[in-house]
Amino acid sequence: MRFSVVVEVSGLEGIADPEGQTIERALPALGFEGVADVRVGKLIRLHLEAPDEATAYERAEELCRHLLANPVIERYEVAVSPLTGAG
């Protein structure tokens, strides 16, 4: 069975985010007021073959632990859903 996996990776609280800070400082000059606490992360989408949704989720978690996220400075969230049709 084929699954769609979405992984959102973001920095842990307390870890500096210079890219987010740069964006936050630039926003008022562009006319965007009242925006605070800008954080930049990454969104990873992939398709995964697995016998069932639970296995797909476990494999996606393993991918995160070994490659997609650095657990020392980042957290991640995984969402898995079955692909239907041509996918």
C-alpha atoms as a PDB file:
ATOM      1  CA  MET A   1       0.000   0.000   0.000  1.00  0.00           C
ATOM      2  CA  ARG A   2       1.202   3.527  -0.724  1.00  0.00           C
ATOM      3  CA  PHE A   3       1.026   6.392   1.786  1.00  0.00           C
ATOM      4  CA  SER A   4       1.518  10.116   1.652  1.00  0.00           C
ATOM      5  CA  VAL A   5       3.772  11.382   4.443  1.00  0.00           C
ATOM      6  CA  VAL A   6       4.162  14.991   5.531  1.00  0.00           C
ATOM      7  CA  VAL A   7       6.904  15.887   8.012  1.00  0.00           C
ATOM      8  CA  GLU A   8       7.115  19.332   9.590  1.00  0.00           C
ATOM      9  CA  VAL A   9      10.496  20.111  11.150  1.00  0.00           C
ATOM     10  CA  SER A  10      11.056  23.193  13.309  1.00  0.00           C
ATOM     11  CA  GLY A  11      13.587  24.442  15.822  1.00  0.00           C
ATOM     12  CA  LEU A  12      13.181  23.674  19.487  1.00  0.00           C
ATOM     13  CA  GLU A  13      12.169  26.520  21.797  1.00  0.00           C
ATOM     14  CA  GLY A  14      15.258  28.353  23.007  1.00  0.00           C
ATOM     15  CA  ILE A  15      17.282  27.550  19.878  1.00  0.00           C
ATOM     16  CA  ALA A  16      18.255  30.645  17.894  1.00  0.00           C
ATOM     17  CA  ASP A  17      16.488  31.066  14.539  1.00  0.00           C
ATOM     18  CA  PRO A  18      18.451  33.745  12.646  1.00  0.00           C
ATOM     19  CA  GLU A  19      16.409  33.289   9.463  1.00  0.00           C
ATOM     20  CA  GLY A  20      13.154  33.804  11.368  1.00  0.00           C
ATOM     21  CA  GLN A  21      14.608  36.855  13.131  1.00  0.00           C
ATOM     22  CA  THR A  22      15.682  38.382   9.813  1.00  0.00           C
ATOM     23  CA  ILE A  23      12.207  37.907   8.360  1.00  0.00           C
ATOM     24  CA  GLU A  24      10.593  39.371  11.482  1.00  0.00           C
ATOM     25  CA  ARG A  25      12.820  42.475  11.323  1.00  0.00           C
ATOM     26  CA  ALA A  26      12.054  42.987   7.601  1.00  0.00           C
ATOM     27  CA  LEU A  27       8.259  42.756   7.864  1.00  0.00           C
ATOM     28  CA  PRO A  28       7.558  46.290   9.215  1.00  0.00           C
ATOM     29  CA  ALA A  29       9.521  47.823   6.311  1.00  0.00           C
ATOM     30  CA  LEU A  30       7.208  45.923   3.965  1.00  0.00           C
ATOM     31  CA  GLY A  31       4.107  47.249   5.707  1.00  0.00           C
ATOM     32  CA  PHE A  32       3.356  44.191   7.850  1.00  0.00           C
ATOM     33  CA  GLU A  33       2.909  45.286  11.462  1.00  0.00           C
ATOM     34  CA  GLY A  34       2.040  43.203  14.490  1.00  0.00           C
ATOM     35  CA  VAL A  35       3.878  40.029  13.432  1.00  0.00           C
ATOM     36  CA  ALA A  36       5.999  38.397  16.143  1.00  0.00           C
ATOM     37  CA  ASP A  37       7.802  35.174  16.980  1.00  0.00           C
ATOM     38  CA  VAL A  38       8.617  34.244  13.374  1.00  0.00           C
ATOM     39  CA  ARG A  39      10.204  30.792  13.149  1.00  0.00           C
ATOM     40  CA  VAL A  40      11.431  29.111   9.978  1.00  0.00           C
ATOM     41  CA  GLY A  41      11.314  25.350   9.505  1.00  0.00           C
ATOM     42  CA  LYS A  42      10.932  22.885   6.699  1.00  0.00           C
ATOM     43  CA  LEU A  43       8.111  20.795   5.296  1.00  0.00           C
ATOM     44  CA  ILE A  44       8.990  17.457   3.714  1.00  0.00           C
ATOM     45  CA  ARG A  45       6.494  15.486   1.608  1.00  0.00           C
ATOM     46  CA  LEU A  46       7.126  11.938   0.441  1.00  0.00           C
ATOM     47  CA  HIS A  47       5.363   8.762  -0.631  1.00  0.00           C
ATOM     48  CA  LEU A  48       6.082   5.569   1.238  1.00  0.00           C
ATOM     49  CA  GLU A  49       5.281   1.913   0.552  1.00  0.00           C
ATOM     50  CA  ALA A  50       4.151  -0.017   3.632  1.00  0.00           C
ATOM     51  CA  PRO A  51       1.718  -2.827   4.481  1.00  0.00           C
ATOM     52  CA  ASP A  52      -0.420  -0.572   6.716  1.00  0.00           C
ATOM     53  CA  GLU A  53      -0.685   2.951   8.131  1.00  0.00           C
ATOM     54  CA  ALA A  54       0.939   2.100  11.463  1.00  0.00           C
ATOM     55  CA  THR A  55       3.999   0.679   9.717  1.00  0.00           C
ATOM     56  CA  ALA A  56       4.171   3.696   7.402  1.00  0.00           C
ATOM     57  CA  TYR A  57       4.087   5.986  10.449  1.00  0.00           C
ATOM     58  CA  GLU A  58       6.869   4.028  12.182  1.00  0.00           C
ATOM     59  CA  ARG A  59       9.037   4.121   9.038  1.00  0.00           C
ATOM     60  CA  ALA A  60       8.468   7.882   8.698  1.00  0.00           C
ATOM     61  CA  GLU A  61       9.425   8.354  12.365  1.00  0.00           C
ATOM     62  CA  GLU A  62      12.595   6.359  11.729  1.00  0.00           C
ATOM     63  CA  LEU A  63      13.417   8.555   8.721  1.00  0.00           C
ATOM     64  CA  CYS A  64      13.058  11.609  10.945  1.00  0.00           C
ATOM     65  CA  ARG A  65      15.251  10.219  13.717  1.00  0.00           C
ATOM     66  CA  HIS A  66      18.009   9.173  11.307  1.00  0.00           C
ATOM     67  CA  LEU A  67      17.980  11.812   8.573  1.00  0.00           C
ATOM     68  CA  LEU A  68      15.209  14.394   8.309  1.00  0.00           C
ATOM     69  CA  ALA A  69      15.560  16.106  11.706  1.00  0.00           C
ATOM     70  CA  ASN A  70      18.309  16.795  14.209  1.00  0.00           C
ATOM     71  CA  PRO A  71      16.733  15.934  17.584  1.00  0.00           C
ATOM     72  CA  VAL A  72      19.333  18.011  19.431  1.00  0.00           C
ATOM     73  CA  ILE A  73      17.974  21.278  17.972  1.00  0.00           C
ATOM     74  CA  GLU A  74      14.769  20.345  16.122  1.00  0.00           C
ATOM     75  CA  ARG A  75      11.378  18.789  16.718  1.00  0.00           C
ATOM     76  CA  TYR A  76       9.215  17.125  14.091  1.00  0.00           C
ATOM     77  CA  GLU A  77       5.621  16.126  13.474  1.00  0.00           C
ATOM     78  CA  VAL A  78       4.601  13.324  11.128  1.00  0.00           C
ATOM     79  CA  ALA A  79       1.262  12.947   9.324  1.00  0.00           C
ATOM     80  CA  VAL A  80       0.484   9.831   7.294  1.00  0.00           C
ATOM     81  CA  SER A  81      -2.496   9.206   5.029  1.00  0.00           C
ATOM     82  CA  PRO A  82      -3.277   6.530   2.438  1.00  0.00           C
ATOM     83  CA  LEU A  83      -2.831   7.506  -1.190  1.00  0.00           C
ATOM     84  CA  THR A  84      -5.855   6.919  -3.357  1.00  0.00           C
ATOM     85  CA  GLY A  85      -6.103   6.786  -7.121  1.00  0.00           C
ATOM     86  CA  ALA A  86      -2.978   7.492  -9.172  1.00  0.00           C
ATOM     87  CA  GLY A  87      -1.342   9.307  -6.198  1.00  0.00           C
END
